[in-house]
């Protein structure tokens, strides 16, 4: 499988051209921070495009026709082209073609740029409308990190610390679709104490967090700080049988349980006029063991 590794200042990241998927991230000590795609979940950090989450009945309706659009879209399973590469940076590009148009009848260019600078890895998303009609689009990140962060540390010792407190009610996911935001936040005084029971039903969702960064830490383990720009929503997810935790900045979400309309009217979708772009990014920084 074609892969590209970029390095700088002791930081190393490896990206697959299949799905433009980040599959390794570590510092000078070689300690791997990413989940290594085990049997519980065979992915590392899938890219979400042109939808985030699920459409009702896996159906995209546009122009009086139905198209099959499965959960999180098709980009994660497509081969990207390496359009630029240096020792510190790699840009991968996906453009519409006959295969994509059978699922998503729009012209687009989708670029992901991975770069290391100032001790952090930044992943920049850019969706461009290359067609002559409005482009409805969503995009998001889905990186999975080790949980526990290092061997010998209990899962229950891990916490997420947010930039700000996040008291707003949280929606729940049912059958991949979004329920109403009526559930009390499980984040208290900026901290989410992690345990597997939090994810029995599905992901935790912050539709519009006040925070733009979160720290994932445990005593005696190297930690991780994720920051994001341009992504208005945030998800946290794991499978109870997997040793990973996904931290997911999103621009868009699953369809609401009670919504089933044309794609360009989907709640949370971004409408790009011809020539317009949608940009967002997230960054990862390794923290010293606490």
C-alpha atoms as a PDB file:
ATOM      1  CA  UNK A   1       0.000   0.000   0.000  1.00  0.00           C
ATOM      2  CA  UNK A   2       1.435   3.374  -1.040  1.00  0.00           C
ATOM      3  CA  UNK A   3       2.378   5.515   1.953  1.00  0.00           C
ATOM      4  CA  UNK A   4       4.321   8.709   2.592  1.00  0.00           C
ATOM      5  CA  UNK A   5       6.180   9.696   5.759  1.00  0.00           C
ATOM      6  CA  UNK A   6       6.934  13.294   6.676  1.00  0.00           C
ATOM      7  CA  UNK A   7       9.256  14.354   9.505  1.00  0.00           C
ATOM      8  CA  UNK A   8      10.468  17.465  11.300  1.00  0.00           C
ATOM      9  CA  UNK A   9      11.799  18.337  14.751  1.00  0.00           C
ATOM     10  CA  UNK A  10      11.560  14.708  15.882  1.00  0.00           C
ATOM     11  CA  UNK A  11       7.895  14.422  14.825  1.00  0.00           C
ATOM     12  CA  UNK A  12       6.939  11.794  12.256  1.00  0.00           C
ATOM     13  CA  UNK A  13       3.642  11.153  10.456  1.00  0.00           C
ATOM     14  CA  UNK A  14       2.773   8.546   7.827  1.00  0.00           C
ATOM     15  CA  UNK A  15      -0.121   8.966   5.404  1.00  0.00           C
ATOM     16  CA  UNK A  16      -1.690   6.377   3.103  1.00  0.00           C
ATOM     17  CA  UNK A  17      -2.696   7.433  -0.401  1.00  0.00           C
ATOM     18  CA  UNK A  18      -5.730   5.156  -0.023  1.00  0.00           C
ATOM     19  CA  UNK A  19      -8.222   7.437   1.673  1.00  0.00           C
ATOM     20  CA  UNK A  20      -5.543  10.052   2.513  1.00  0.00           C
ATOM     21  CA  UNK A  21      -5.488   8.312   5.890  1.00  0.00           C
ATOM     22  CA  UNK A  22      -3.083   9.214   8.676  1.00  0.00           C
ATOM     23  CA  UNK A  23      -1.817   5.855   9.955  1.00  0.00           C
ATOM     24  CA  UNK A  24       1.110   6.780  12.231  1.00  0.00           C
ATOM     25  CA  UNK A  25       2.058   9.738  14.422  1.00  0.00           C
ATOM     26  CA  UNK A  26       4.894   9.726  16.910  1.00  0.00           C
ATOM     27  CA  UNK A  27       7.688  11.775  18.440  1.00  0.00           C
ATOM     28  CA  UNK A  28      11.415  11.202  18.648  1.00  0.00           C
ATOM     29  CA  UNK A  29      10.994   8.352  21.146  1.00  0.00           C
ATOM     30  CA  UNK A  30       9.004   6.349  18.576  1.00  0.00           C
ATOM     31  CA  UNK A  31       5.966   5.923  20.854  1.00  0.00           C
ATOM     32  CA  UNK A  32       3.011   5.413  18.508  1.00  0.00           C
ATOM     33  CA  UNK A  33      -0.031   7.590  19.293  1.00  0.00           C
ATOM     34  CA  UNK A  34      -2.384   6.195  16.623  1.00  0.00           C
ATOM     35  CA  UNK A  35      -4.620   3.135  16.823  1.00  0.00           C
ATOM     36  CA  UNK A  36      -3.156   0.526  14.503  1.00  0.00           C
ATOM     37  CA  UNK A  37      -6.339  -0.703  12.791  1.00  0.00           C
ATOM     38  CA  UNK A  38      -6.986  -3.874  14.780  1.00  0.00           C
ATOM     39  CA  UNK A  39      -9.854  -6.362  14.391  1.00  0.00           C
ATOM     40  CA  UNK A  40     -12.238  -4.230  16.467  1.00  0.00           C
ATOM     41  CA  UNK A  41     -12.046  -1.452  13.852  1.00  0.00           C
ATOM     42  CA  UNK A  42      -9.954  -1.794  10.684  1.00  0.00           C
ATOM     43  CA  UNK A  43      -9.173   1.910  10.198  1.00  0.00           C
ATOM     44  CA  UNK A  44      -6.743   4.507  11.584  1.00  0.00           C
ATOM     45  CA  UNK A  45      -8.140   7.946  10.740  1.00  0.00           C
ATOM     46  CA  UNK A  46     -10.682   7.901   7.913  1.00  0.00           C
ATOM     47  CA  UNK A  47     -11.435  11.114   6.060  1.00  0.00           C
ATOM     48  CA  UNK A  48     -15.145  12.035   6.018  1.00  0.00           C
ATOM     49  CA  UNK A  49     -16.339  13.454   2.683  1.00  0.00           C
ATOM     50  CA  UNK A  50     -18.743  14.473   1.175  1.00  0.00           C
ATOM     51  CA  UNK A  51     -20.954  13.609   4.168  1.00  0.00           C
ATOM     52  CA  UNK A  52     -20.354  13.295   7.889  1.00  0.00           C
ATOM     53  CA  UNK A  53     -22.319  10.539   9.571  1.00  0.00           C
ATOM     54  CA  UNK A  54     -25.227   8.813   7.935  1.00  0.00           C
ATOM     55  CA  UNK A  55     -27.997   9.765   5.526  1.00  0.00           C
ATOM     56  CA  UNK A  56     -31.420   8.269   6.180  1.00  0.00           C
ATOM     57  CA  UNK A  57     -31.668   4.952   4.300  1.00  0.00           C
ATOM     58  CA  UNK A  58     -28.131   5.704   2.955  1.00  0.00           C
ATOM     59  CA  UNK A  59     -29.853   7.824   0.311  1.00  0.00           C
ATOM     60  CA  UNK A  60     -28.820  11.144  -1.203  1.00  0.00           C
ATOM     61  CA  UNK A  61     -31.637  12.865  -3.079  1.00  0.00           C
ATOM     62  CA  UNK A  62     -30.768  15.454  -5.736  1.00  0.00           C
ATOM     63  CA  UNK A  63     -32.516  16.686  -8.842  1.00  0.00           C
ATOM     64  CA  UNK A  64     -35.317  14.165  -8.482  1.00  0.00           C
ATOM     65  CA  UNK A  65     -32.925  11.193  -8.382  1.00  0.00           C
ATOM     66  CA  UNK A  66     -31.682   8.952  -5.575  1.00  0.00           C
ATOM     67  CA  UNK A  67     -28.007   8.098  -5.089  1.00  0.00           C
ATOM     68  CA  UNK A  68     -26.503   5.609  -2.651  1.00  0.00           C
ATOM     69  CA  UNK A  69     -24.380   7.444  -0.062  1.00  0.00           C
ATOM     70  CA  UNK A  70     -23.115   5.265   2.771  1.00  0.00           C
ATOM     71  CA  UNK A  71     -21.981   6.467   6.184  1.00  0.00           C
ATOM     72  CA  UNK A  72     -19.199   9.103   6.147  1.00  0.00           C
ATOM     73  CA  UNK A  73     -19.035   9.171   2.342  1.00  0.00           C
ATOM     74  CA  UNK A  74     -16.687   7.602  -0.180  1.00  0.00           C
ATOM     75  CA  UNK A  75     -13.390   9.525   0.143  1.00  0.00           C
ATOM     76  CA  UNK A  76     -12.054   7.188   2.820  1.00  0.00           C
ATOM     77  CA  UNK A  77     -12.102   4.334   0.277  1.00  0.00           C
ATOM     78  CA  UNK A  78     -10.730   6.216  -2.743  1.00  0.00           C
ATOM     79  CA  UNK A  79      -7.154   6.484  -3.951  1.00  0.00           C
ATOM     80  CA  UNK A  80      -5.842  10.043  -3.687  1.00  0.00           C
ATOM     81  CA  UNK A  81      -3.142  11.533  -5.918  1.00  0.00           C
ATOM     82  CA  UNK A  82      -0.024  12.995  -4.309  1.00  0.00           C
ATOM     83  CA  UNK A  83       0.003  16.518  -5.749  1.00  0.00           C
ATOM     84  CA  UNK A  84       2.914  17.896  -3.705  1.00  0.00           C
ATOM     85  CA  UNK A  85       5.451  16.393  -1.323  1.00  0.00           C
ATOM     86  CA  UNK A  86       8.488  17.571   0.636  1.00  0.00           C
ATOM     87  CA  UNK A  87      10.290  16.227   3.678  1.00  0.00           C
ATOM     88  CA  UNK A  88       7.903  18.151   5.954  1.00  0.00           C
ATOM     89  CA  UNK A  89       4.656  18.213   3.926  1.00  0.00           C
ATOM     90  CA  UNK A  90       2.401  16.052   1.782  1.00  0.00           C
ATOM     91  CA  UNK A  91      -0.669  17.172  -0.194  1.00  0.00           C
ATOM     92  CA  UNK A  92      -3.145  14.617  -1.512  1.00  0.00           C
ATOM     93  CA  UNK A  93      -5.948  15.350  -3.947  1.00  0.00           C
ATOM     94  CA  UNK A  94      -9.214  13.695  -4.958  1.00  0.00           C
ATOM     95  CA  UNK A  95     -11.243  14.939  -7.939  1.00  0.00           C
ATOM     96  CA  UNK A  96     -14.656  13.925  -9.196  1.00  0.00           C
ATOM     97  CA  UNK A  97     -14.812  11.207 -11.824  1.00  0.00           C
ATOM     98  CA  UNK A  98     -17.356   8.780 -13.241  1.00  0.00           C
ATOM     99  CA  UNK A  99     -17.183   6.629 -10.097  1.00  0.00           C
ATOM    100  CA  UNK A 100     -17.811   9.531  -7.713  1.00  0.00           C
ATOM    101  CA  UNK A 101     -20.568  11.014  -9.885  1.00  0.00           C
ATOM    102  CA  UNK A 102     -22.519   7.759  -9.709  1.00  0.00           C
ATOM    103  CA  UNK A 103     -22.760   8.407  -5.956  1.00  0.00           C
ATOM    104  CA  UNK A 104     -22.481  12.188  -5.720  1.00  0.00           C
ATOM    105  CA  UNK A 105     -23.432  14.044  -8.920  1.00  0.00           C
ATOM    106  CA  UNK A 106     -21.207  17.084  -8.438  1.00  0.00           C
ATOM    107  CA  UNK A 107     -17.869  18.452  -9.629  1.00  0.00           C
ATOM    108  CA  UNK A 108     -15.300  18.990  -6.893  1.00  0.00           C
ATOM    109  CA  UNK A 109     -11.669  18.973  -5.872  1.00  0.00           C
ATOM    110  CA  UNK A 110     -10.825  17.806  -2.357  1.00  0.00           C
ATOM    111  CA  UNK A 111      -7.321  18.434  -0.977  1.00  0.00           C
ATOM    112  CA  UNK A 112      -5.758  17.331   2.293  1.00  0.00           C
ATOM    113  CA  UNK A 113      -2.416  18.814   3.281  1.00  0.00           C
ATOM    114  CA  UNK A 114      -0.377  17.202   6.052  1.00  0.00           C
ATOM    115  CA  UNK A 115       2.435  19.371   7.385  1.00  0.00           C
ATOM    116  CA  UNK A 116       4.740  19.429  10.411  1.00  0.00           C
ATOM    117  CA  UNK A 117       5.846  22.749  11.866  1.00  0.00           C
ATOM    118  CA  UNK A 118       6.610  24.098  15.320  1.00  0.00           C
ATOM    119  CA  UNK A 119       6.371  20.648  16.913  1.00  0.00           C
ATOM    120  CA  UNK A 120       2.859  19.870  15.649  1.00  0.00           C
ATOM    121  CA  UNK A 121       1.189  18.025  12.783  1.00  0.00           C
ATOM    122  CA  UNK A 122      -1.498  20.021  10.965  1.00  0.00           C
ATOM    123  CA  UNK A 123      -4.051  18.417   8.647  1.00  0.00           C
ATOM    124  CA  UNK A 124      -5.710  21.020   6.405  1.00  0.00           C
ATOM    125  CA  UNK A 125      -8.941  20.246   4.520  1.00  0.00           C
ATOM    126  CA  UNK A 126      -9.989  22.148   1.392  1.00  0.00           C
ATOM    127  CA  UNK A 127     -13.079  21.380  -0.700  1.00  0.00           C
ATOM    128  CA  UNK A 128     -13.463  23.368  -3.937  1.00  0.00           C
ATOM    129  CA  UNK A 129     -16.522  23.641  -6.161  1.00  0.00           C
ATOM    130  CA  UNK A 130     -15.105  23.112  -9.662  1.00  0.00           C
ATOM    131  CA  UNK A 131     -18.526  22.898 -11.289  1.00  0.00           C
ATOM    132  CA  UNK A 132     -21.178  25.339 -12.456  1.00  0.00           C
ATOM    133  CA  UNK A 133     -23.878  24.540  -9.879  1.00  0.00           C
ATOM    134  CA  UNK A 134     -24.003  24.882  -6.102  1.00  0.00           C
ATOM    135  CA  UNK A 135     -22.022  22.163  -4.305  1.00  0.00           C
ATOM    136  CA  UNK A 136     -23.602  20.828  -1.078  1.00  0.00           C
ATOM    137  CA  UNK A 137     -20.829  19.294   1.014  1.00  0.00           C
ATOM    138  CA  UNK A 138     -19.689  18.220   4.471  1.00  0.00           C
ATOM    139  CA  UNK A 139     -16.276  17.050   5.644  1.00  0.00           C
ATOM    140  CA  UNK A 140     -14.685  15.856   8.843  1.00  0.00           C
ATOM    141  CA  UNK A 141     -11.870  14.040  10.600  1.00  0.00           C
ATOM    142  CA  UNK A 142     -12.026  10.686  12.401  1.00  0.00           C
ATOM    143  CA  UNK A 143      -8.552   9.959  13.865  1.00  0.00           C
ATOM    144  CA  UNK A 144      -8.305   7.114  16.363  1.00  0.00           C
ATOM    145  CA  UNK A 145      -5.722   7.235  19.151  1.00  0.00           C
ATOM    146  CA  UNK A 146      -4.520   4.551  21.506  1.00  0.00           C
ATOM    147  CA  UNK A 147      -6.606   3.996  24.623  1.00  0.00           C
ATOM    148  CA  UNK A 148      -4.795   3.423  26.883  1.00  0.00           C
ATOM    149  CA  UNK A 149      -2.172   5.840  25.606  1.00  0.00           C
ATOM    150  CA  UNK A 150       0.538   3.518  26.884  1.00  0.00           C
ATOM    151  CA  UNK A 151       0.634  -0.024  28.216  1.00  0.00           C
ATOM    152  CA  UNK A 152      -0.014  -0.503  31.904  1.00  0.00           C
ATOM    153  CA  UNK A 153      -2.235   2.562  32.387  1.00  0.00           C
ATOM    154  CA  UNK A 154      -5.901   1.909  33.150  1.00  0.00           C
ATOM    155  CA  UNK A 155      -8.444   3.181  30.644  1.00  0.00           C
ATOM    156  CA  UNK A 156     -10.361   4.838  33.467  1.00  0.00           C
ATOM    157  CA  UNK A 157      -7.302   6.974  34.322  1.00  0.00           C
ATOM    158  CA  UNK A 158      -7.664   8.903  31.049  1.00  0.00           C
ATOM    159  CA  UNK A 159      -9.444  12.242  30.755  1.00  0.00           C
ATOM    160  CA  UNK A 160     -10.269  14.829  28.118  1.00  0.00           C
ATOM    161  CA  UNK A 161      -9.733  18.435  29.187  1.00  0.00           C
ATOM    162  CA  UNK A 162     -11.441  21.046  27.006  1.00  0.00           C
ATOM    163  CA  UNK A 163     -10.430  24.661  26.473  1.00  0.00           C
ATOM    164  CA  UNK A 164     -13.761  25.809  27.930  1.00  0.00           C
ATOM    165  CA  UNK A 165     -16.563  24.173  29.864  1.00  0.00           C
ATOM    166  CA  UNK A 166     -19.123  22.507  27.588  1.00  0.00           C
ATOM    167  CA  UNK A 167     -22.459  22.477  29.436  1.00  0.00           C
ATOM    168  CA  UNK A 168     -24.775  22.415  26.396  1.00  0.00           C
ATOM    169  CA  UNK A 169     -27.095  19.414  26.007  1.00  0.00           C
ATOM    170  CA  UNK A 170     -25.845  16.599  23.799  1.00  0.00           C
ATOM    171  CA  UNK A 171     -27.772  14.751  21.084  1.00  0.00           C
ATOM    172  CA  UNK A 172     -27.565  10.972  20.884  1.00  0.00           C
ATOM    173  CA  UNK A 173     -27.201   8.827  17.788  1.00  0.00           C
ATOM    174  CA  UNK A 174     -29.800   6.171  16.934  1.00  0.00           C
ATOM    175  CA  UNK A 175     -29.179   3.868  13.985  1.00  0.00           C
ATOM    176  CA  UNK A 176     -26.532   6.295  12.782  1.00  0.00           C
ATOM    177  CA  UNK A 177     -29.006   9.212  12.726  1.00  0.00           C
ATOM    178  CA  UNK A 178     -29.034  12.267  14.974  1.00  0.00           C
ATOM    179  CA  UNK A 179     -31.506  12.572  17.824  1.00  0.00           C
ATOM    180  CA  UNK A 180     -32.520  15.804  19.587  1.00  0.00           C
ATOM    181  CA  UNK A 181     -30.082  17.597  21.910  1.00  0.00           C
ATOM    182  CA  UNK A 182     -31.923  16.806  25.147  1.00  0.00           C
ATOM    183  CA  UNK A 183     -29.303  14.875  27.130  1.00  0.00           C
ATOM    184  CA  UNK A 184     -27.290  16.495  29.880  1.00  0.00           C
ATOM    185  CA  UNK A 185     -23.633  17.126  29.088  1.00  0.00           C
ATOM    186  CA  UNK A 186     -21.198  14.596  30.565  1.00  0.00           C
ATOM    187  CA  UNK A 187     -18.409  17.222  30.603  1.00  0.00           C
ATOM    188  CA  UNK A 188     -18.010  18.773  34.045  1.00  0.00           C
ATOM    189  CA  UNK A 189     -15.735  21.759  34.752  1.00  0.00           C
ATOM    190  CA  UNK A 190     -14.040  21.279  31.346  1.00  0.00           C
ATOM    191  CA  UNK A 191     -13.229  17.603  32.063  1.00  0.00           C
ATOM    192  CA  UNK A 192     -14.645  14.405  30.616  1.00  0.00           C
ATOM    193  CA  UNK A 193     -13.632  11.380  32.700  1.00  0.00           C
ATOM    194  CA  UNK A 194     -13.376   8.569  30.174  1.00  0.00           C
ATOM    195  CA  UNK A 195     -14.892   5.114  30.522  1.00  0.00           C
ATOM    196  CA  UNK A 196     -16.295   2.661  28.000  1.00  0.00           C
ATOM    197  CA  UNK A 197     -19.865   2.997  29.309  1.00  0.00           C
ATOM    198  CA  UNK A 198     -20.046   6.495  27.804  1.00  0.00           C
ATOM    199  CA  UNK A 199     -20.128   4.941  24.326  1.00  0.00           C
ATOM    200  CA  UNK A 200     -22.552   2.058  24.763  1.00  0.00           C
ATOM    201  CA  UNK A 201     -25.157   3.740  22.555  1.00  0.00           C
ATOM    202  CA  UNK A 202     -22.771   5.490  20.119  1.00  0.00           C
ATOM    203  CA  UNK A 203     -20.725   8.690  19.827  1.00  0.00           C
ATOM    204  CA  UNK A 204     -20.818  11.695  22.130  1.00  0.00           C
ATOM    205  CA  UNK A 205     -21.564  14.819  20.098  1.00  0.00           C
ATOM    206  CA  UNK A 206     -20.898  18.499  20.760  1.00  0.00           C
ATOM    207  CA  UNK A 207     -22.927  20.289  18.050  1.00  0.00           C
ATOM    208  CA  UNK A 208     -21.309  23.698  18.653  1.00  0.00           C
ATOM    209  CA  UNK A 209     -18.517  23.516  21.239  1.00  0.00           C
ATOM    210  CA  UNK A 210     -17.078  26.697  22.724  1.00  0.00           C
ATOM    211  CA  UNK A 211     -13.661  25.018  22.759  1.00  0.00           C
ATOM    212  CA  UNK A 212     -11.129  24.919  19.936  1.00  0.00           C
ATOM    213  CA  UNK A 213      -8.778  22.447  21.589  1.00  0.00           C
ATOM    214  CA  UNK A 214      -8.860  19.406  23.831  1.00  0.00           C
ATOM    215  CA  UNK A 215      -6.128  17.519  25.701  1.00  0.00           C
ATOM    216  CA  UNK A 216      -6.157  13.738  26.026  1.00  0.00           C
ATOM    217  CA  UNK A 217      -4.068  12.650  29.021  1.00  0.00           C
ATOM    218  CA  UNK A 218      -3.432  10.061  31.733  1.00  0.00           C
ATOM    219  CA  UNK A 219      -0.914   9.969  34.594  1.00  0.00           C
ATOM    220  CA  UNK A 220       2.367   8.420  33.524  1.00  0.00           C
ATOM    221  CA  UNK A 221       1.546   8.454  29.795  1.00  0.00           C
ATOM    222  CA  UNK A 222       2.480  10.788  26.946  1.00  0.00           C
ATOM    223  CA  UNK A 223      -0.534  12.924  26.117  1.00  0.00           C
ATOM    224  CA  UNK A 224      -2.019  14.539  23.057  1.00  0.00           C
ATOM    225  CA  UNK A 225      -3.430  17.979  22.310  1.00  0.00           C
ATOM    226  CA  UNK A 226      -5.811  18.391  19.385  1.00  0.00           C
ATOM    227  CA  UNK A 227      -6.744  21.841  18.152  1.00  0.00           C
ATOM    228  CA  UNK A 228      -9.155  22.693  15.317  1.00  0.00           C
ATOM    229  CA  UNK A 229     -10.190  25.622  13.130  1.00  0.00           C
ATOM    230  CA  UNK A 230     -13.184  25.897  10.816  1.00  0.00           C
ATOM    231  CA  UNK A 231     -14.879  22.744  12.110  1.00  0.00           C
ATOM    232  CA  UNK A 232     -18.038  23.837  13.996  1.00  0.00           C
ATOM    233  CA  UNK A 233     -18.864  20.458  15.612  1.00  0.00           C
ATOM    234  CA  UNK A 234     -16.998  17.737  17.491  1.00  0.00           C
ATOM    235  CA  UNK A 235     -17.551  14.037  18.106  1.00  0.00           C
ATOM    236  CA  UNK A 236     -15.971  11.490  20.472  1.00  0.00           C
ATOM    237  CA  UNK A 237     -16.311   7.780  19.757  1.00  0.00           C
ATOM    238  CA  UNK A 238     -14.997   4.296  20.480  1.00  0.00           C
ATOM    239  CA  UNK A 239     -16.158   0.715  20.205  1.00  0.00           C
ATOM    240  CA  UNK A 240     -16.410  -1.037  23.573  1.00  0.00           C
ATOM    241  CA  UNK A 241     -14.316  -3.909  22.212  1.00  0.00           C
ATOM    242  CA  UNK A 242     -11.527  -1.665  20.905  1.00  0.00           C
ATOM    243  CA  UNK A 243      -8.521  -0.026  22.558  1.00  0.00           C
ATOM    244  CA  UNK A 244      -8.909   3.324  20.829  1.00  0.00           C
ATOM    245  CA  UNK A 245     -10.550   6.718  21.200  1.00  0.00           C
ATOM    246  CA  UNK A 246     -11.618   8.854  18.238  1.00  0.00           C
ATOM    247  CA  UNK A 247     -11.523  12.650  18.484  1.00  0.00           C
ATOM    248  CA  UNK A 248     -13.469  14.048  15.535  1.00  0.00           C
ATOM    249  CA  UNK A 249     -13.783  17.665  14.348  1.00  0.00           C
ATOM    250  CA  UNK A 250     -16.665  17.947  11.881  1.00  0.00           C
ATOM    251  CA  UNK A 251     -18.246  20.325   9.411  1.00  0.00           C
ATOM    252  CA  UNK A 252     -21.621  18.609   9.178  1.00  0.00           C
ATOM    253  CA  UNK A 253     -23.359  15.771  11.029  1.00  0.00           C
ATOM    254  CA  UNK A 254     -25.679  12.825  10.465  1.00  0.00           C
ATOM    255  CA  UNK A 255     -29.178  13.485   9.210  1.00  0.00           C
ATOM    256  CA  UNK A 256     -31.695  14.082  12.004  1.00  0.00           C
ATOM    257  CA  UNK A 257     -33.987  11.158  12.813  1.00  0.00           C
ATOM    258  CA  UNK A 258     -37.039  13.050  11.556  1.00  0.00           C
ATOM    259  CA  UNK A 259     -35.492  14.470   8.359  1.00  0.00           C
ATOM    260  CA  UNK A 260     -35.469  12.926   4.876  1.00  0.00           C
ATOM    261  CA  UNK A 261     -35.253  15.586   2.201  1.00  0.00           C
ATOM    262  CA  UNK A 262     -33.109  16.776  -0.717  1.00  0.00           C
ATOM    263  CA  UNK A 263     -29.381  16.801  -0.047  1.00  0.00           C
ATOM    264  CA  UNK A 264     -28.973  20.534  -0.596  1.00  0.00           C
ATOM    265  CA  UNK A 265     -31.445  21.163   2.255  1.00  0.00           C
ATOM    266  CA  UNK A 266     -29.808  18.757   4.717  1.00  0.00           C
ATOM    267  CA  UNK A 267     -29.289  20.350   8.155  1.00  0.00           C
ATOM    268  CA  UNK A 268     -25.611  21.232   8.669  1.00  0.00           C
ATOM    269  CA  UNK A 269     -24.664  21.046   4.982  1.00  0.00           C
ATOM    270  CA  UNK A 270     -22.432  23.759   3.488  1.00  0.00           C
ATOM    271  CA  UNK A 271     -23.476  25.270   0.167  1.00  0.00           C
ATOM    272  CA  UNK A 272     -20.522  26.238  -2.038  1.00  0.00           C
ATOM    273  CA  UNK A 273     -21.137  28.443  -5.045  1.00  0.00           C
ATOM    274  CA  UNK A 274     -19.102  27.724  -8.204  1.00  0.00           C
ATOM    275  CA  UNK A 275     -15.432  28.460  -7.531  1.00  0.00           C
ATOM    276  CA  UNK A 276     -15.941  28.732  -3.768  1.00  0.00           C
ATOM    277  CA  UNK A 277     -13.945  26.734  -1.200  1.00  0.00           C
ATOM    278  CA  UNK A 278     -14.583  25.255   2.240  1.00  0.00           C
ATOM    279  CA  UNK A 279     -11.498  25.138   4.474  1.00  0.00           C
ATOM    280  CA  UNK A 280     -10.839  23.705   7.941  1.00  0.00           C
ATOM    281  CA  UNK A 281      -7.940  22.118   9.790  1.00  0.00           C
ATOM    282  CA  UNK A 282      -6.905  20.248  12.890  1.00  0.00           C
ATOM    283  CA  UNK A 283      -3.532  19.931  14.601  1.00  0.00           C
ATOM    284  CA  UNK A 284      -1.921  17.312  16.834  1.00  0.00           C
ATOM    285  CA  UNK A 285       0.785  17.956  19.413  1.00  0.00           C
ATOM    286  CA  UNK A 286       2.380  15.344  21.694  1.00  0.00           C
ATOM    287  CA  UNK A 287       2.483  16.260  25.382  1.00  0.00           C
ATOM    288  CA  UNK A 288       5.101  15.043  27.833  1.00  0.00           C
ATOM    289  CA  UNK A 289       4.085  12.260  30.203  1.00  0.00           C
ATOM    290  CA  UNK A 290       2.316  13.635  33.274  1.00  0.00           C
END
